[in-house]
Protein backbone atom coordinates (compact mmCIF):
# COMPACT_ATOMS: atom_id res chain seq x y z
CA MET A 1 2.99 17.86 -13.29
CA ASP A 2 1.77 20.51 -10.86
CA ILE A 3 4.45 22.03 -8.68
CA PRO A 4 3.04 22.42 -5.15
CA SER A 5 1.94 26.06 -4.94
CA LEU A 6 2.41 27.92 -1.68
CA SER A 7 -1.18 29.19 -1.60
CA GLY A 8 -2.67 25.80 -2.45
CA ARG A 9 -0.57 23.98 0.09
CA LEU A 10 -1.33 26.54 2.82
CA LYS A 11 -5.07 26.30 2.15
CA ARG A 12 -5.10 22.49 2.27
CA HIS A 13 -2.78 22.52 5.29
CA PHE A 14 -5.20 24.88 7.05
CA ASP A 15 -8.20 22.69 6.22
CA THR A 16 -6.55 19.46 7.35
CA SER A 17 -4.77 20.87 10.42
CA THR A 18 -7.99 22.55 11.60
CA SER A 19 -9.88 19.27 11.27
CA VAL A 20 -7.13 17.24 12.95
CA ALA A 21 -6.84 19.79 15.75
CA GLY A 22 -10.58 19.52 16.30
CA PHE A 23 -10.23 15.75 16.48
CA LEU A 24 -7.36 15.97 19.00
CA ALA A 25 -9.48 18.19 21.20
CA LYS A 26 -12.13 15.46 21.37
CA LEU A 27 -9.77 12.64 22.33
CA GLY A 28 -10.73 10.83 25.50
CA GLY A 29 -13.70 8.73 24.45
CA SER A 30 -13.68 5.01 23.74
CA PRO A 31 -11.29 3.77 20.99
CA ASP A 32 -14.24 3.00 18.73
CA GLU A 33 -15.80 6.43 19.24
CA THR A 34 -12.57 8.30 18.50
CA ALA A 35 -11.89 6.08 15.47
CA SER A 36 -15.39 6.79 14.15
CA GLU A 37 -14.86 10.53 14.67
CA LEU A 38 -11.55 10.54 12.78
CA SER A 39 -13.08 8.49 9.97
CA LYS A 40 -15.83 11.12 9.57
CA ILE A 41 -13.21 13.88 9.44
CA LEU A 42 -11.26 12.11 6.71
CA GLY A 43 -14.49 11.50 4.83
CA ASN A 44 -15.34 15.21 4.89
CA LEU A 45 -11.84 16.23 3.78
CA LYS A 46 -11.82 13.67 0.94
CA GLY A 47 -8.91 13.40 -1.49
CA PRO A 48 -5.48 11.85 -0.82
CA LEU A 49 -5.84 11.87 2.98
CA MET A 50 -8.69 9.37 2.65
CA LYS A 51 -6.59 7.19 0.37
CA VAL A 52 -3.72 7.15 2.88
CA GLY A 53 -6.21 6.15 5.59
CA GLN A 54 -7.38 3.22 3.47
CA ILE A 55 -3.81 2.03 2.82
CA LEU A 56 -2.78 2.26 6.48
CA SER A 57 -5.84 0.24 7.51
CA ILE A 58 -4.56 -2.74 5.51
CA VAL A 59 -1.12 -3.06 7.19
CA PRO A 60 -1.37 -5.26 10.31
CA ASP A 61 -1.14 -3.17 13.51
CA MET A 62 0.13 -0.04 11.80
CA ILE A 63 -2.85 1.72 13.34
CA PRO A 64 -5.21 0.54 16.13
CA PRO A 65 -7.74 -2.10 15.00
CA GLU A 66 -10.69 0.22 15.75
CA TYR A 67 -9.26 2.79 13.33
CA ALA A 68 -8.47 0.15 10.70
CA HIS A 69 -12.09 -1.05 10.80
CA HIS A 70 -13.52 2.43 10.16
CA PHE A 71 -10.88 3.51 7.63
CA GLN A 72 -11.52 0.51 5.37
CA SER A 73 -15.00 1.86 4.64
CA LEU A 74 -13.71 5.23 3.40
CA GLN A 75 -14.43 6.09 -0.23
CA SER A 76 -11.56 7.98 -1.91
CA GLN A 77 -13.63 10.52 -3.77
CA ALA A 78 -12.84 14.23 -3.84
CA PRO A 79 -15.34 17.00 -4.70
CA GLY A 80 -15.97 17.11 -8.45
CA MET A 81 -15.14 19.93 -10.88
CA GLY A 82 -17.95 21.85 -12.56
CA GLU A 83 -18.34 22.03 -16.34
CA LEU A 84 -16.73 25.46 -16.75
CA PHE A 85 -13.77 24.38 -14.67
CA VAL A 86 -13.41 21.17 -16.71
CA LYS A 87 -13.28 23.25 -19.92
CA ARG A 88 -10.53 25.44 -18.47
CA ARG A 89 -8.56 22.38 -17.38
CA LEU A 90 -8.82 20.76 -20.82
CA LYS A 91 -7.83 23.99 -22.52
CA ALA A 92 -4.74 24.14 -20.31
CA GLU A 93 -3.82 20.53 -21.15
CA LEU A 94 -4.65 20.29 -24.88
CA GLY A 95 -4.84 23.90 -26.04
CA PRO A 96 -7.71 26.25 -26.95
CA ASP A 97 -9.02 23.91 -29.67
CA TRP A 98 -9.08 20.88 -27.37
CA LEU A 99 -12.62 19.86 -28.43
CA LYS A 100 -11.49 19.32 -32.04
CA ASN A 101 -9.58 16.25 -30.85
CA PHE A 102 -12.83 14.48 -29.90
CA GLY A 103 -15.99 13.43 -31.64
CA SER A 104 -17.82 14.16 -28.40
CA PHE A 105 -16.94 14.93 -24.79
CA ASN A 106 -19.26 14.68 -21.79
CA LEU A 107 -18.38 17.47 -19.34
CA THR A 108 -20.15 15.63 -16.49
CA PRO A 109 -17.89 12.91 -15.03
CA PHE A 110 -19.11 9.33 -14.74
CA ALA A 111 -16.54 8.38 -12.08
CA ALA A 112 -14.43 10.18 -9.49
CA ALA A 113 -11.52 9.22 -7.25
CA SER A 114 -8.99 10.77 -4.88
CA LEU A 115 -6.87 12.59 -7.49
CA GLY A 116 -9.13 13.12 -10.48
CA GLN A 117 -12.42 12.46 -12.25
CA VAL A 118 -13.23 10.44 -15.38
CA HIS A 119 -15.23 11.68 -18.38
CA ALA A 120 -16.80 9.75 -21.24
CA ALA A 121 -15.81 10.84 -24.75
CA THR A 122 -15.43 9.51 -28.29
CA ASP A 123 -12.60 9.91 -30.77
CA LEU A 124 -13.10 11.29 -34.28
CA ARG A 125 -14.06 7.80 -35.52
CA GLY A 126 -16.65 7.31 -32.79
CA ARG A 127 -14.60 4.95 -30.59
CA PRO A 128 -15.62 5.27 -26.88
CA LEU A 129 -12.95 6.85 -24.69
CA ALA A 130 -12.39 7.44 -20.98
CA CYS A 131 -10.55 10.65 -20.04
CA LYS A 132 -9.11 10.96 -16.54
CA LEU A 133 -8.60 14.61 -15.60
CA GLN A 134 -6.65 15.52 -12.48
CA TYR A 135 -8.10 17.95 -9.95
CA PRO A 136 -6.27 21.29 -9.70
CA ASP A 137 -3.38 21.82 -7.28
CA MET A 138 -3.22 18.14 -6.27
CA ALA A 139 0.54 18.26 -5.66
CA SER A 140 -0.09 20.80 -2.88
CA THR A 141 -2.95 18.72 -1.51
CA VAL A 142 -0.85 15.55 -1.37
CA GLU A 143 2.02 17.26 0.48
CA ALA A 144 -0.30 18.91 2.99
CA ASP A 145 -2.13 15.64 3.66
CA LEU A 146 1.07 13.66 4.15
CA SER A 147 2.24 16.11 6.81
CA GLN A 148 -0.98 15.55 8.74
CA VAL A 149 -0.65 11.76 8.49
CA LYS A 150 2.77 12.00 10.14
CA LEU A 151 1.20 13.94 13.01
CA LEU A 152 -1.59 11.39 13.48
CA LEU A 153 0.82 8.44 13.45
CA ARG A 154 2.86 10.01 16.25
CA LEU A 155 -0.20 9.63 18.49
CA TYR A 156 -0.07 5.86 18.12
CA ARG A 157 3.10 4.02 19.02
CA GLY A 158 2.40 0.46 17.97
CA PRO A 159 4.86 -2.42 17.48
CA LEU A 160 5.53 -1.44 13.84
CA ASP A 161 8.14 1.18 12.98
CA THR A 162 6.10 3.21 10.47
CA GLU A 163 8.85 5.43 9.06
CA GLU A 164 9.70 3.37 5.96
CA ILE A 165 6.08 2.45 5.27
CA LEU A 166 5.03 6.09 5.33
CA LYS A 167 7.87 6.91 2.91
CA GLU A 168 6.59 4.18 0.62
CA VAL A 169 3.02 5.50 0.68
CA ALA A 170 4.27 9.04 0.05
CA ASP A 171 6.41 8.00 -2.93
CA ARG A 172 3.58 6.08 -4.56
CA LEU A 173 1.12 8.96 -4.06
CA ARG A 174 3.53 11.42 -5.67
CA GLU A 175 3.97 9.04 -8.60
CA GLU A 176 0.21 8.86 -9.07
CA LEU A 177 0.19 12.58 -9.80
CA LEU A 178 2.14 11.96 -13.00
CA TYR A 179 -0.38 10.64 -15.54
CA SER A 180 2.35 10.24 -18.18
CA ARG A 181 3.84 7.59 -15.88
CA GLU A 182 0.47 5.82 -15.71
CA LEU A 183 0.32 5.89 -19.52
CA ALA A 184 3.63 4.01 -19.61
CA SER A 185 2.34 1.51 -17.02
CA LEU A 186 -0.71 0.83 -19.18
CA LYS A 187 1.56 -0.22 -22.04
CA THR A 188 3.73 -2.36 -19.73
CA PHE A 189 0.75 -4.33 -18.42
CA ARG A 190 -0.76 -4.68 -21.90
CA ASP A 191 2.54 -6.18 -23.09
CA LEU A 192 2.96 -8.47 -20.06
CA LEU A 193 -0.59 -9.84 -20.29
CA SER A 194 -1.01 -9.85 -24.07
CA HIS A 195 -1.01 -13.68 -24.06
CA LYS A 196 -4.16 -13.75 -21.88
CA PRO A 197 -7.25 -12.88 -23.96
CA GLU A 198 -9.34 -13.15 -20.77
CA ILE A 199 -7.68 -10.00 -19.36
CA HIS A 200 -8.41 -6.63 -20.98
CA ILE A 201 -6.38 -3.48 -20.36
CA PRO A 202 -7.22 -0.10 -21.93
CA GLU A 203 -5.03 1.26 -24.69
CA GLY A 204 -3.64 4.68 -23.81
CA LEU A 205 -3.65 7.51 -26.33
CA PRO A 206 -0.36 9.47 -25.98
CA GLU A 207 -1.51 12.21 -28.37
CA LEU A 208 -4.45 13.02 -26.05
CA SER A 209 -2.61 12.59 -22.75
CA THR A 210 -0.43 14.83 -20.59
CA ASP A 211 0.93 14.77 -17.04
CA ARG A 212 -2.57 15.68 -15.77
CA LEU A 213 -4.83 14.14 -18.44
CA LEU A 214 -4.94 10.47 -19.37
CA THR A 215 -7.03 9.39 -22.35
CA MET A 216 -7.64 5.70 -23.09
CA ASP A 217 -10.21 3.54 -24.78
CA TYR A 218 -13.32 2.73 -22.75
CA LEU A 219 -13.93 -0.89 -21.70
CA GLU A 220 -17.52 -1.97 -21.03
CA GLY A 221 -18.14 -4.10 -17.95
CA GLN A 222 -19.87 -4.38 -14.58
CA PRO A 223 -18.29 -4.18 -11.10
CA LEU A 224 -17.61 -7.27 -9.01
CA LEU A 225 -20.66 -6.88 -6.77
CA SER A 226 -22.93 -7.20 -9.82
CA TRP A 227 -21.77 -10.80 -10.34
CA ILE A 228 -21.89 -12.37 -6.87
CA ASP A 229 -25.03 -14.42 -7.65
CA VAL A 230 -23.96 -15.92 -10.99
CA PRO A 231 -23.17 -19.68 -11.14
CA LEU A 232 -20.07 -20.89 -9.30
CA GLU A 233 -18.29 -21.83 -12.54
CA GLN A 234 -18.40 -18.22 -13.75
CA ARG A 235 -17.39 -16.83 -10.35
CA ASN A 236 -14.42 -19.21 -10.29
CA LEU A 237 -13.36 -18.02 -13.76
CA MET A 238 -13.57 -14.40 -12.63
CA ALA A 239 -11.45 -15.17 -9.56
CA LYS A 240 -8.82 -16.96 -11.69
CA ASN A 241 -8.56 -14.01 -14.06
CA LEU A 242 -8.20 -11.60 -11.15
CA PHE A 243 -5.50 -13.74 -9.50
CA TYR A 244 -3.53 -14.07 -12.74
CA ALA A 245 -3.79 -10.37 -13.65
CA TRP A 246 -2.33 -9.36 -10.30
CA TYR A 247 0.36 -11.94 -9.72
CA TYR A 248 1.71 -12.89 -13.15
CA PRO A 249 3.29 -9.43 -13.72
CA PHE A 250 4.79 -9.56 -10.23
CA TYR A 251 6.46 -12.97 -10.54
CA LYS A 252 7.34 -12.46 -14.21
CA SER A 253 8.78 -8.94 -14.02
CA GLY A 254 8.59 -7.73 -10.41
CA ILE A 255 5.73 -5.31 -11.21
CA LEU A 256 2.61 -5.07 -9.04
CA HIS A 257 -0.66 -3.17 -9.45
CA GLY A 258 -0.78 -1.54 -6.02
CA ASP A 259 -4.49 -0.77 -5.73
CA PRO A 260 -6.85 -3.78 -5.69
CA HIS A 261 -9.86 -1.57 -4.87
CA PHE A 262 -13.16 -3.00 -6.20
CA GLY A 263 -13.58 0.12 -8.36
CA ASN A 264 -10.38 -0.60 -10.32
CA TYR A 265 -11.71 -3.53 -12.33
CA THR A 266 -14.91 -4.78 -13.93
CA PHE A 267 -16.03 -8.05 -15.52
CA ARG A 268 -17.77 -9.00 -18.77
CA GLU A 269 -20.52 -11.54 -19.41
CA ASP A 270 -17.96 -14.20 -20.37
CA GLY A 271 -16.11 -13.80 -17.04
CA SER A 272 -13.19 -11.91 -18.57
CA LEU A 273 -11.61 -9.05 -16.65
CA ASN A 274 -11.20 -5.32 -17.40
CA LEU A 275 -8.32 -3.91 -15.35
CA PHE A 276 -7.98 -0.15 -14.75
CA ASP A 277 -6.14 2.54 -12.80
CA PHE A 278 -2.41 1.99 -13.17
CA GLY A 279 -1.37 5.07 -11.22
CA CYS A 280 -0.16 3.05 -8.24
CA VAL A 281 2.25 0.55 -9.81
CA ARG A 282 5.19 -0.75 -7.77
CA THR A 283 8.38 -2.17 -9.30
CA PHE A 284 10.28 -4.51 -6.95
CA ASP A 285 13.90 -5.52 -6.74
CA PRO A 286 14.45 -9.12 -7.96
CA SER A 287 15.78 -10.11 -4.51
CA PHE A 288 12.46 -9.11 -2.93
CA VAL A 289 10.47 -11.21 -5.41
CA GLN A 290 12.84 -14.08 -4.67
CA GLY A 291 12.19 -13.55 -0.95
CA VAL A 292 8.43 -13.90 -1.47
CA LEU A 293 8.96 -17.17 -3.35
CA HIS A 294 11.50 -18.35 -0.77
CA LEU A 295 9.00 -17.80 2.04
CA TYR A 296 6.36 -19.79 0.13
CA ARG A 297 8.75 -22.72 -0.24
CA ALA A 298 9.93 -22.40 3.36
CA LEU A 299 6.35 -22.58 4.65
CA LYS A 300 5.71 -25.54 2.37
CA ALA A 301 8.75 -27.33 3.82
CA ASN A 302 7.99 -26.02 7.34
CA SER A 303 11.66 -24.99 7.61
CA GLU A 304 12.47 -22.29 10.18
CA VAL A 305 15.94 -21.84 8.69
CA GLN A 306 14.50 -21.14 5.23
CA MET A 307 11.88 -18.80 6.75
CA ALA A 308 14.63 -16.75 8.41
CA GLU A 309 16.45 -16.55 5.06
CA ALA A 310 13.23 -15.40 3.39
CA TYR A 311 12.70 -12.58 5.89
CA ASP A 312 16.28 -11.45 5.23
CA LEU A 313 15.57 -11.38 1.49
CA TRP A 314 12.37 -9.40 2.15
CA GLY A 315 14.44 -6.80 4.00
CA PHE A 316 13.43 -7.38 7.63
CA GLU A 317 16.34 -6.49 9.92
CA ASN A 318 17.50 -7.74 13.35
CA LEU A 319 14.58 -10.10 13.91
CA THR A 320 14.50 -12.00 17.19
CA LYS A 321 13.11 -15.52 17.35
CA ASP A 322 9.85 -14.20 18.84
CA LEU A 323 9.46 -11.61 16.07
CA ARG A 324 10.05 -14.28 13.42
CA GLU A 325 7.39 -16.44 15.03
CA ALA A 326 4.92 -13.54 14.93
CA LEU A 327 5.68 -12.85 11.26
CA THR A 328 5.39 -16.55 10.42
CA LEU A 329 1.96 -16.69 12.05
CA TRP A 330 0.85 -13.87 9.76
CA ALA A 331 2.57 -15.46 6.74
CA LYS A 332 0.72 -18.74 7.32
CA PHE A 333 -2.51 -16.75 7.48
CA LEU A 334 -1.83 -15.16 4.06
CA TYR A 335 -0.11 -18.10 2.33
CA GLY A 336 -2.39 -20.79 3.79
CA PRO A 337 -4.63 -21.32 0.72
CA LEU A 338 -1.54 -21.52 -1.56
CA LEU A 339 -0.12 -24.35 0.52
CA ASP A 340 -3.28 -26.48 0.42
CA ASN A 341 -3.35 -28.55 -2.77
CA ARG A 342 -7.10 -29.02 -3.17
CA ILE A 343 -10.24 -27.14 -4.23
CA ARG A 344 -11.51 -24.90 -1.42
CA PRO A 345 -12.79 -21.40 -0.57
CA ILE A 346 -9.92 -19.03 0.14
CA ASP A 347 -11.20 -18.24 3.64
CA GLU A 348 -12.06 -21.79 4.67
CA ASP A 349 -9.66 -21.86 7.64
CA TYR A 350 -9.76 -18.21 8.67
CA ASN A 351 -13.24 -16.91 8.12
CA GLY A 352 -15.06 -14.64 10.53
CA ILE A 353 -14.08 -14.89 14.18
CA ARG A 354 -11.20 -17.31 13.51
CA GLY A 355 -9.50 -14.81 11.21
CA LYS A 356 -9.78 -12.07 13.84
CA GLU A 357 -8.30 -14.43 16.45
CA ILE A 358 -5.27 -15.09 14.25
CA ALA A 359 -4.75 -11.37 13.65
CA LYS A 360 -5.09 -10.69 17.39
CA GLN A 361 -2.44 -13.33 18.17
CA VAL A 362 -0.06 -11.81 15.64
CA PHE A 363 -0.52 -8.29 16.99
CA GLN A 364 -0.03 -9.45 20.59
CA LYS A 365 3.18 -11.30 19.71
CA LEU A 366 4.49 -8.19 17.96
CA ARG A 367 3.71 -6.04 21.00
CA ASP A 368 5.37 -8.49 23.36
CA SER A 369 8.46 -8.91 21.19
CA GLY A 370 9.30 -5.25 20.60
CA THR A 371 9.21 -2.93 17.60
CA VAL A 372 9.66 -4.49 14.17
CA LYS A 373 10.70 -2.41 11.17
CA PRO A 374 9.05 -3.86 8.07
CA PRO A 375 10.61 -3.17 4.66
CA ARG A 376 8.79 -0.46 2.75
CA GLU A 377 7.88 -2.94 -0.03
CA PHE A 378 5.76 -4.85 2.49
CA VAL A 379 2.87 -2.37 2.45
CA PHE A 380 1.70 -2.88 -1.15
CA MET A 381 2.35 -6.63 -1.17
CA ASP A 382 0.13 -6.89 1.90
CA ARG A 383 -2.44 -4.55 0.37
CA ALA A 384 -2.66 -6.70 -2.76
CA ALA A 385 -3.06 -9.93 -0.76
CA VAL A 386 -5.77 -8.54 1.52
CA GLY A 387 -7.59 -6.70 -1.28
CA LEU A 388 -7.69 -9.72 -3.59
CA GLY A 389 -8.66 -11.98 -0.70
CA SER A 390 -11.67 -9.75 -0.07
CA ALA A 391 -12.67 -10.07 -3.73
CA PHE A 392 -12.37 -13.88 -3.68
CA ILE A 393 -14.46 -14.03 -0.51
CA ARG A 394 -17.16 -11.84 -2.10
CA LEU A 395 -17.18 -14.10 -5.17
CA ARG A 396 -17.34 -17.19 -2.92
CA ALA A 397 -14.84 -18.75 -5.32
CA GLU A 398 -13.77 -22.37 -4.80
CA LEU A 399 -10.45 -23.11 -6.50
CA ASN A 400 -7.25 -25.04 -6.07
CA TRP A 401 -5.27 -21.93 -5.10
CA CYS A 402 -2.04 -23.94 -4.85
CA GLU A 403 -2.41 -25.16 -8.43
CA LEU A 404 -3.34 -21.66 -9.63
CA PHE A 405 -0.28 -20.18 -7.94
CA GLU A 406 2.04 -22.76 -9.51
CA GLU A 407 0.48 -21.95 -12.90
CA VAL A 408 1.28 -18.26 -12.40
CA LEU A 409 4.87 -19.16 -11.51
CA GLY A 410 5.10 -21.05 -14.79
């Protein structure tokens, strides 16, 4: 893995601090105008800073709602590497005869993200491959960007204590730099979901992978938005596969895919799912998983005592009655479809304006009740729930979510 270089970190720090300083100088307009301005700055900088902005926009009231709205539209795509640079990178990773390992290798990437770009290739037998190559000096970029995020968060003192959440985001980003770790996660998910032929996960090739290069077989499919007009039966099947792929590993082994971005999965004609990008994988303590289940059962029984126990298991500390009520309002918003034992759209109760009203009530209760310090595990659990919910809404799926959840629990 790259060790953050002084020159690389100073350059990125200069770029980001100059942009942030320019933003600070323009403060004073309406919240929406300043949020739009900051979103444009992050978009121009690209890379990890954009990804952090996306993650923070998911956590309720971690940043102002105007900022959350603009940040959710950010695309985590850094500037691409040219062909000569790609050759140098591959030579550094696989040696001077790197091309002899492939039947073919397309030096122009077909996909790009915050930390690297993906190239199409074939192995010596002609099997299609996808090769994810990390951009240079990304360790320096990540560290410089995280320092700027801390500065920006100091400008906004909301009801959430952001210290632990920011540590969580930082740890996961640093892990994503290590492609050998992602290779291991690929194998873990393939093993955990091997009993589900409807869920496809690429096979990693250790002999053609390093800390900064990940080579895997290529899976053919189309993104979610290509399927939104197919018959309801197929959309329901796609939603079921997505739900199972995300939550079975979590409740079975405490492992969660932490990035439900639409670009991290595709679907096939038969409704089966291709799942990608295992850089952001979170392993949870068994007590936390038990807390999630305990809260589900507490909401089902409408028991305040059990809800308080569940928040303790989650890791929330020193909650007052008012803070518990605020958290329960949000929990009912997220768990609602799982508690309703019938076929329904996932957003039936909280679509559109109604959903915004619920969120506004939660945020106001948090502000009135004082600062709450959420456990660091909360951020990616919440990100998964919101990200998958968005997918189910786009698919307009109608399922018995309660029955599906109980099936996942086994």
